[in-house]
């Protein structure tokens, strides 16, 4: 049994045939109105942030947003 060699025209032909296949369109995800950043915190700071978020019945993300807004307003930014 011999192995068939693959040439560029057969690869392009397969790609063209695959492009012609009708596929269902995926629904576009709504764009987020927020930007994501990663922040590294010391473990004790993270624990305090998490405890405060539980006390206020908020997510850590919502609490961080609120705290950062307060700091930025205080500094006039």
PDB file of N, CA and C in Angstrom:
ATOM      1  N   UNK A   1       0.843  -1.167   0.000  1.00  0.00           N
ATOM      2  CA  UNK A   1       0.000   0.000   0.000  1.00  0.00           C
ATOM      3  C   UNK A   1       0.893   1.236   0.000  1.00  0.00           C
ATOM      4  N   UNK A   2       0.648   2.134  -0.918  1.00  0.00           N
ATOM      5  CA  UNK A   2       1.460   3.340  -1.005  1.00  0.00           C
ATOM      6  C   UNK A   2       0.664   4.523  -0.487  1.00  0.00           C
ATOM      7  N   UNK A   3       1.380   5.429   0.110  1.00  0.00           N
ATOM      8  CA  UNK A   3       0.747   6.623   0.663  1.00  0.00           C
ATOM      9  C   UNK A   3       0.634   7.673  -0.434  1.00  0.00           C
ATOM     10  N   UNK A   4      -0.557   8.240  -0.586  1.00  0.00           N
ATOM     11  CA  UNK A   4      -0.787   9.272  -1.599  1.00  0.00           C
ATOM     12  C   UNK A   4      -0.122  10.566  -1.151  1.00  0.00           C
ATOM     13  N   UNK A   5       0.611  11.173  -2.057  1.00  0.00           N
ATOM     14  CA  UNK A   5       1.222  12.451  -1.706  1.00  0.00           C
ATOM     15  C   UNK A   5       0.177  13.556  -1.849  1.00  0.00           C
ATOM     16  N   UNK A   6       0.267  14.524  -0.974  1.00  0.00           N
ATOM     17  CA  UNK A   6      -0.676  15.638  -0.978  1.00  0.00           C
ATOM     18  C   UNK A   6      -0.007  16.827  -1.641  1.00  0.00           C
ATOM     19  N   UNK A   7      -0.667  17.344  -2.658  1.00  0.00           N
ATOM     20  CA  UNK A   7      -0.106  18.510  -3.324  1.00  0.00           C
ATOM     21  C   UNK A   7      -0.957  19.739  -2.993  1.00  0.00           C
ATOM     22  N   UNK A   8      -0.445  20.900  -3.339  1.00  0.00           N
ATOM     23  CA  UNK A   8      -1.099  22.160  -2.978  1.00  0.00           C
ATOM     24  C   UNK A   8      -2.482  22.288  -3.603  1.00  0.00           C
ATOM     25  N   UNK A   9      -2.664  21.815  -4.824  1.00  0.00           N
ATOM     26  CA  UNK A   9      -3.969  21.974  -5.477  1.00  0.00           C
ATOM     27  C   UNK A   9      -5.047  21.141  -4.788  1.00  0.00           C
ATOM     28  N   UNK A  10      -4.702  19.965  -4.287  1.00  0.00           N
ATOM     29  CA  UNK A  10      -5.717  19.173  -3.590  1.00  0.00           C
ATOM     30  C   UNK A  10      -6.080  19.809  -2.252  1.00  0.00           C
ATOM     31  N   UNK A  11      -5.100  20.424  -1.576  1.00  0.00           N
ATOM     32  CA  UNK A  11      -5.384  21.116  -0.316  1.00  0.00           C
ATOM     33  C   UNK A  11      -6.286  22.323  -0.583  1.00  0.00           C
ATOM     34  N   UNK A  12      -5.976  23.093  -1.627  1.00  0.00           N
ATOM     35  CA  UNK A  12      -6.803  24.255  -1.958  1.00  0.00           C
ATOM     36  C   UNK A  12      -8.203  23.831  -2.372  1.00  0.00           C
ATOM     37  N   UNK A  13      -8.314  22.737  -3.098  1.00  0.00           N
ATOM     38  CA  UNK A  13      -9.630  22.236  -3.506  1.00  0.00           C
ATOM     39  C   UNK A  13     -10.468  21.858  -2.303  1.00  0.00           C
ATOM     40  N   UNK A  14      -9.854  21.175  -1.354  1.00  0.00           N
ATOM     41  CA  UNK A  14     -10.580  20.793  -0.145  1.00  0.00           C
ATOM     42  C   UNK A  14     -11.005  22.028   0.640  1.00  0.00           C
ATOM     43  N   UNK A  15     -10.145  23.031   0.707  1.00  0.00           N
ATOM     44  CA  UNK A  15     -10.469  24.263   1.427  1.00  0.00           C
ATOM     45  C   UNK A  15     -11.622  24.994   0.746  1.00  0.00           C
ATOM     46  N   UNK A  16     -11.622  25.019  -0.576  1.00  0.00           N
ATOM     47  CA  UNK A  16     -12.717  25.687  -1.301  1.00  0.00           C
ATOM     48  C   UNK A  16     -14.035  24.957  -1.088  1.00  0.00           C
ATOM     49  N   UNK A  17     -13.996  23.631  -1.138  1.00  0.00           N
ATOM     50  CA  UNK A  17     -15.221  22.862  -0.919  1.00  0.00           C
ATOM     51  C   UNK A  17     -15.738  23.061   0.497  1.00  0.00           C
ATOM     52  N   UNK A  18     -14.844  23.122   1.461  1.00  0.00           N
ATOM     53  CA  UNK A  18     -15.257  23.325   2.855  1.00  0.00           C
ATOM     54  C   UNK A  18     -15.864  24.711   3.038  1.00  0.00           C
ATOM     55  N   UNK A  19     -15.357  25.695   2.322  1.00  0.00           N
ATOM     56  CA  UNK A  19     -15.873  27.062   2.441  1.00  0.00           C
ATOM     57  C   UNK A  19     -17.289  27.166   1.894  1.00  0.00           C
ATOM     58  N   UNK A  20     -17.653  26.291   0.956  1.00  0.00           N
ATOM     59  CA  UNK A  20     -18.972  26.350   0.339  1.00  0.00           C
ATOM     60  C   UNK A  20     -20.060  25.679   1.178  1.00  0.00           C
ATOM     61  N   UNK A  21     -19.684  24.934   2.190  1.00  0.00           N
ATOM     62  CA  UNK A  21     -20.653  24.237   3.020  1.00  0.00           C
ATOM     63  C   UNK A  21     -21.415  25.254   3.862  1.00  0.00           C
ATOM     64  N   UNK A  22     -22.751  25.152   3.835  1.00  0.00           N
ATOM     65  CA  UNK A  22     -23.580  26.057   4.631  1.00  0.00           C
ATOM     66  C   UNK A  22     -23.507  25.646   6.092  1.00  0.00           C
ATOM     67  N   UNK A  23     -23.187  26.589   6.940  1.00  0.00           N
ATOM     68  CA  UNK A  23     -23.106  26.336   8.370  1.00  0.00           C
ATOM     69  C   UNK A  23     -24.048  27.286   9.089  1.00  0.00           C
ATOM     70  N   UNK A  24     -24.649  26.834  10.188  1.00  0.00           N
ATOM     71  CA  UNK A  24     -25.520  27.756  10.935  1.00  0.00           C
ATOM     72  C   UNK A  24     -24.700  28.898  11.523  1.00  0.00           C
ATOM     73  N   UNK A  25     -25.266  30.073  11.478  1.00  0.00           N
ATOM     74  CA  UNK A  25     -24.586  31.248  12.021  1.00  0.00           C
ATOM     75  C   UNK A  25     -24.761  31.275  13.532  1.00  0.00           C
ATOM     76  N   UNK A  26     -23.669  31.497  14.220  1.00  0.00           N
ATOM     77  CA  UNK A  26     -23.724  31.627  15.670  1.00  0.00           C
ATOM     78  C   UNK A  26     -24.218  33.028  16.008  1.00  0.00           C
ATOM     79  N   UNK A  27     -25.015  33.110  17.058  1.00  0.00           N
ATOM     80  CA  UNK A  27     -25.479  34.430  17.478  1.00  0.00           C
ATOM     81  C   UNK A  27     -24.293  35.217  18.013  1.00  0.00           C
ATOM     82  N   UNK A  28     -24.252  36.477  17.637  1.00  0.00           N
ATOM     83  CA  UNK A  28     -23.169  37.317  18.128  1.00  0.00           C
ATOM     84  C   UNK A  28     -23.388  37.617  19.597  1.00  0.00           C
ATOM     85  N   UNK A  29     -22.319  37.508  20.367  1.00  0.00           N
ATOM     86  CA  UNK A  29     -22.406  37.838  21.779  1.00  0.00           C
ATOM     87  C   UNK A  29     -22.429  39.353  21.930  1.00  0.00           C
ATOM     88  N   UNK A  30     -23.243  39.842  22.841  1.00  0.00           N
ATOM     89  CA  UNK A  30     -23.264  41.300  23.043  1.00  0.00           C
ATOM     90  C   UNK A  30     -21.910  41.777  23.558  1.00  0.00           C
ATOM     91  N   UNK A  31     -21.527  42.949  23.109  1.00  0.00           N
ATOM     92  CA  UNK A  31     -20.252  43.506  23.561  1.00  0.00           C
ATOM     93  C   UNK A  31     -20.358  43.935  25.013  1.00  0.00           C
ATOM     94  N   UNK A  32     -19.320  43.627  25.753  1.00  0.00           N
ATOM     95  CA  UNK A  32     -19.295  44.025  27.153  1.00  0.00           C
ATOM     96  C   UNK A  32     -19.009  45.510  27.249  1.00  0.00           C
ATOM     97  N   UNK A  33     -19.634  46.137  28.196  1.00  0.00           N
ATOM     98  CA  UNK A  33     -19.420  47.563  28.398  1.00  0.00           C
ATOM     99  C   UNK A  33     -18.393  47.803  29.489  1.00  0.00           C
ATOM    100  N   UNK A  34     -17.565  46.812  29.730  1.00  0.00           N
ATOM    101  CA  UNK A  34     -16.541  46.935  30.764  1.00  0.00           C
ATOM    102  C   UNK A  34     -15.223  46.398  30.240  1.00  0.00           C
ATOM    103  N   UNK A  35     -14.166  46.852  30.826  1.00  0.00           N
ATOM    104  CA  UNK A  35     -12.829  46.378  30.501  1.00  0.00           C
ATOM    105  C   UNK A  35     -12.363  45.485  31.634  1.00  0.00           C
ATOM    106  N   UNK A  36     -11.620  44.472  31.322  1.00  0.00           N
ATOM    107  CA  UNK A  36     -11.121  43.562  32.341  1.00  0.00           C
ATOM    108  C   UNK A  36      -9.646  43.820  32.597  1.00  0.00           C
ATOM    109  N   UNK A  37      -9.286  43.795  33.878  1.00  0.00           N
ATOM    110  CA  UNK A  37      -7.884  43.901  34.265  1.00  0.00           C
ATOM    111  C   UNK A  37      -7.608  42.829  35.315  1.00  0.00           C
ATOM    112  N   UNK A  38      -6.377  42.452  35.433  1.00  0.00           N
ATOM    113  CA  UNK A  38      -5.962  41.528  36.484  1.00  0.00           C
ATOM    114  C   UNK A  38      -5.154  42.311  37.501  1.00  0.00           C
ATOM    115  N   UNK A  39      -5.484  42.106  38.757  1.00  0.00           N
ATOM    116  CA  UNK A  39      -4.790  42.799  39.833  1.00  0.00           C
ATOM    117  C   UNK A  39      -4.284  41.752  40.809  1.00  0.00           C
ATOM    118  N   UNK A  40      -3.012  41.825  41.159  1.00  0.00           N
ATOM    119  CA  UNK A  40      -2.437  40.910  42.144  1.00  0.00           C
ATOM    120  C   UNK A  40      -2.497  41.572  43.507  1.00  0.00           C
ATOM    121  N   UNK A  41      -3.109  40.884  44.454  1.00  0.00           N
ATOM    122  CA  UNK A  41      -3.232  41.403  45.816  1.00  0.00           C
ATOM    123  C   UNK A  41      -2.512  40.475  46.774  1.00  0.00           C
ATOM    124  N   UNK A  42      -2.049  41.042  47.874  1.00  0.00           N
ATOM    125  CA  UNK A  42      -1.490  40.206  48.931  1.00  0.00           C
ATOM    126  C   UNK A  42      -2.630  39.360  49.491  1.00  0.00           C
ATOM    127  N   UNK A  43      -2.334  38.158  49.948  1.00  0.00           N
ATOM    128  CA  UNK A  43      -3.396  37.275  50.448  1.00  0.00           C
ATOM    129  C   UNK A  43      -4.252  37.910  51.541  1.00  0.00           C
ATOM    130  N   UNK A  44      -3.626  38.650  52.469  1.00  0.00           N
ATOM    131  CA  UNK A  44      -4.422  39.253  53.543  1.00  0.00           C
ATOM    132  C   UNK A  44      -5.342  40.352  53.015  1.00  0.00           C
ATOM    133  N   UNK A  45      -4.910  41.080  51.990  1.00  0.00           N
ATOM    134  CA  UNK A  45      -5.770  42.112  51.390  1.00  0.00           C
ATOM    135  C   UNK A  45      -6.938  41.462  50.673  1.00  0.00           C
ATOM    136  N   UNK A  46      -6.668  40.396  49.950  1.00  0.00           N
ATOM    137  CA  UNK A  46      -7.729  39.683  49.238  1.00  0.00           C
ATOM    138  C   UNK A  46      -8.767  39.135  50.224  1.00  0.00           C
ATOM    139  N   UNK A  47      -8.300  38.592  51.336  1.00  0.00           N
ATOM    140  CA  UNK A  47      -9.205  38.042  52.342  1.00  0.00           C
ATOM    141  C   UNK A  47     -10.107  39.135  52.910  1.00  0.00           C
ATOM    142  N   UNK A  48      -9.530  40.298  53.215  1.00  0.00           N
ATOM    143  CA  UNK A  48     -10.315  41.415  53.750  1.00  0.00           C
ATOM    144  C   UNK A  48     -11.342  41.900  52.722  1.00  0.00           C
ATOM    145  N   UNK A  49     -10.934  41.956  51.460  1.00  0.00           N
ATOM    146  CA  UNK A  49     -11.841  42.376  50.393  1.00  0.00           C
ATOM    147  C   UNK A  49     -12.998  41.390  50.264  1.00  0.00           C
ATOM    148  N   UNK A  50     -12.677  40.128  50.320  1.00  0.00           N
ATOM    149  CA  UNK A  50     -13.702  39.098  50.196  1.00  0.00           C
ATOM    150  C   UNK A  50     -14.661  39.126  51.392  1.00  0.00           C
ATOM    151  N   UNK A  51     -14.137  39.288  52.601  1.00  0.00           N
ATOM    152  CA  UNK A  51     -14.990  39.370  53.786  1.00  0.00           C
ATOM    153  C   UNK A  51     -15.923  40.575  53.725  1.00  0.00           C
ATOM    154  N   UNK A  52     -15.396  41.719  53.298  1.00  0.00           N
ATOM    155  CA  UNK A  52     -16.229  42.915  53.178  1.00  0.00           C
ATOM    156  C   UNK A  52     -17.317  42.718  52.131  1.00  0.00           C
ATOM    157  N   UNK A  53     -16.982  42.057  51.037  1.00  0.00           N
ATOM    158  CA  UNK A  53     -17.992  41.822  49.996  1.00  0.00           C
ATOM    159  C   UNK A  53     -19.113  40.923  50.527  1.00  0.00           C
ATOM    160  N   UNK A  54     -18.768  39.935  51.347  1.00  0.00           N
ATOM    161  CA  UNK A  54     -19.790  39.062  51.932  1.00  0.00           C
ATOM    162  C   UNK A  54     -20.659  39.856  52.902  1.00  0.00           C
ATOM    163  N   UNK A  55     -20.045  40.699  53.727  1.00  0.00           N
ATOM    164  CA  UNK A  55     -20.798  41.516  54.684  1.00  0.00           C
ATOM    165  C   UNK A  55     -21.779  42.441  53.975  1.00  0.00           C
ATOM    166  N   UNK A  56     -21.363  42.989  52.843  1.00  0.00           N
ATOM    167  CA  UNK A  56     -22.224  43.915  52.095  1.00  0.00           C
ATOM    168  C   UNK A  56     -23.126  43.198  51.094  1.00  0.00           C
ATOM    169  N   UNK A  57     -23.027  41.858  51.044  1.00  0.00           N
ATOM    170  CA  UNK A  57     -23.800  41.051  50.098  1.00  0.00           C
ATOM    171  C   UNK A  57     -23.577  41.519  48.660  1.00  0.00           C
ATOM    172  N   UNK A  58     -22.305  41.666  48.316  1.00  0.00           N
ATOM    173  CA  UNK A  58     -21.890  42.097  46.977  1.00  0.00           C
ATOM    174  C   UNK A  58     -20.887  41.087  46.449  1.00  0.00           C
ATOM    175  N   UNK A  59     -20.674  41.131  45.157  1.00  0.00           N
ATOM    176  CA  UNK A  59     -19.576  40.349  44.604  1.00  0.00           C
ATOM    177  C   UNK A  59     -18.284  41.117  44.830  1.00  0.00           C
ATOM    178  N   UNK A  60     -17.177  40.407  44.812  1.00  0.00           N
ATOM    179  CA  UNK A  60     -15.877  41.068  44.956  1.00  0.00           C
ATOM    180  C   UNK A  60     -15.697  42.055  43.812  1.00  0.00           C
ATOM    181  N   UNK A  61     -16.136  41.692  42.624  1.00  0.00           N
ATOM    182  CA  UNK A  61     -16.002  42.572  41.464  1.00  0.00           C
ATOM    183  C   UNK A  61     -16.781  43.868  41.669  1.00  0.00           C
ATOM    184  N   UNK A  62     -18.018  43.765  42.155  1.00  0.00           N
ATOM    185  CA  UNK A  62     -18.815  44.972  42.383  1.00  0.00           C
ATOM    186  C   UNK A  62     -18.213  45.836  43.485  1.00  0.00           C
ATOM    187  N   UNK A  63     -17.729  45.195  44.541  1.00  0.00           N
ATOM    188  CA  UNK A  63     -17.103  45.940  45.627  1.00  0.00           C
ATOM    189  C   UNK A  63     -15.832  46.642  45.144  1.00  0.00           C
ATOM    190  N   UNK A  64     -15.022  45.939  44.363  1.00  0.00           N
ATOM    191  CA  UNK A  64     -13.798  46.540  43.833  1.00  0.00           C
ATOM    192  C   UNK A  64     -14.132  47.743  42.951  1.00  0.00           C
ATOM    193  N   UNK A  65     -15.165  47.617  42.133  1.00  0.00           N
ATOM    194  CA  UNK A  65     -15.602  48.738  41.284  1.00  0.00           C
ATOM    195  C   UNK A  65     -15.997  49.934  42.147  1.00  0.00           C
ATOM    196  N   UNK A  66     -16.788  49.681  43.190  1.00  0.00           N
ATOM    197  CA  UNK A  66     -17.226  50.760  44.075  1.00  0.00           C
ATOM    198  C   UNK A  66     -16.041  51.430  44.771  1.00  0.00           C
ATOM    199  N   UNK A  67     -15.129  50.625  45.294  1.00  0.00           N
ATOM    200  CA  UNK A  67     -13.972  51.178  45.998  1.00  0.00           C
ATOM    201  C   UNK A  67     -13.069  51.973  45.058  1.00  0.00           C
ATOM    202  N   UNK A  68     -12.850  51.452  43.878  1.00  0.00           N
ATOM    203  CA  UNK A  68     -12.003  52.168  42.920  1.00  0.00           C
ATOM    204  C   UNK A  68     -12.646  53.479  42.482  1.00  0.00           C
ATOM    205  N   UNK A  69     -13.965  53.479  42.297  1.00  0.00           N
ATOM    206  CA  UNK A  69     -14.665  54.721  41.946  1.00  0.00           C
ATOM    207  C   UNK A  69     -14.474  55.774  43.039  1.00  0.00           C
ATOM    208  N   UNK A  70     -14.602  55.359  44.304  1.00  0.00           N
ATOM    209  CA  UNK A  70     -14.429  56.298  45.420  1.00  0.00           C
ATOM    210  C   UNK A  70     -13.012  56.888  45.432  1.00  0.00           C
ATOM    211  N   UNK A  71     -12.017  56.050  45.228  1.00  0.00           N
ATOM    212  CA  UNK A  71     -10.616  56.524  45.226  1.00  0.00           C
ATOM    213  C   UNK A  71     -10.386  57.483  44.070  1.00  0.00           C
ATOM    214  N   UNK A  72     -10.887  57.148  42.891  1.00  0.00           N
ATOM    215  CA  UNK A  72     -10.690  58.009  41.729  1.00  0.00           C
ATOM    216  C   UNK A  72     -11.391  59.358  41.907  1.00  0.00           C
ATOM    217  N   UNK A  73     -12.593  59.353  42.484  1.00  0.00           N
ATOM    218  CA  UNK A  73     -13.299  60.614  42.721  1.00  0.00           C
ATOM    219  C   UNK A  73     -12.562  61.458  43.758  1.00  0.00           C
ATOM    220  N   UNK A  74     -12.036  60.802  44.792  1.00  0.00           N
ATOM    221  CA  UNK A  74     -11.308  61.517  45.830  1.00  0.00           C
ATOM    222  C   UNK A  74     -10.065  62.204  45.254  1.00  0.00           C
ATOM    223  N   UNK A  75      -9.461  61.586  44.249  1.00  0.00           N
ATOM    224  CA  UNK A  75      -8.245  62.150  43.635  1.00  0.00           C
ATOM    225  C   UNK A  75      -8.558  63.006  42.406  1.00  0.00           C
ATOM    226  N   UNK A  76      -9.838  63.213  42.150  1.00  0.00           N
ATOM    227  CA  UNK A  76     -10.232  64.092  41.055  1.00  0.00           C
ATOM    228  C   UNK A  76      -9.950  63.534  39.671  1.00  0.00           C
ATOM    229  N   UNK A  77      -9.997  62.239  39.544  1.00  0.00           N
ATOM    230  CA  UNK A  77      -9.730  61.628  38.235  1.00  0.00           C
ATOM    231  C   UNK A  77     -11.038  61.193  37.621  1.00  0.00           C
TER     232      UNK A  77
END
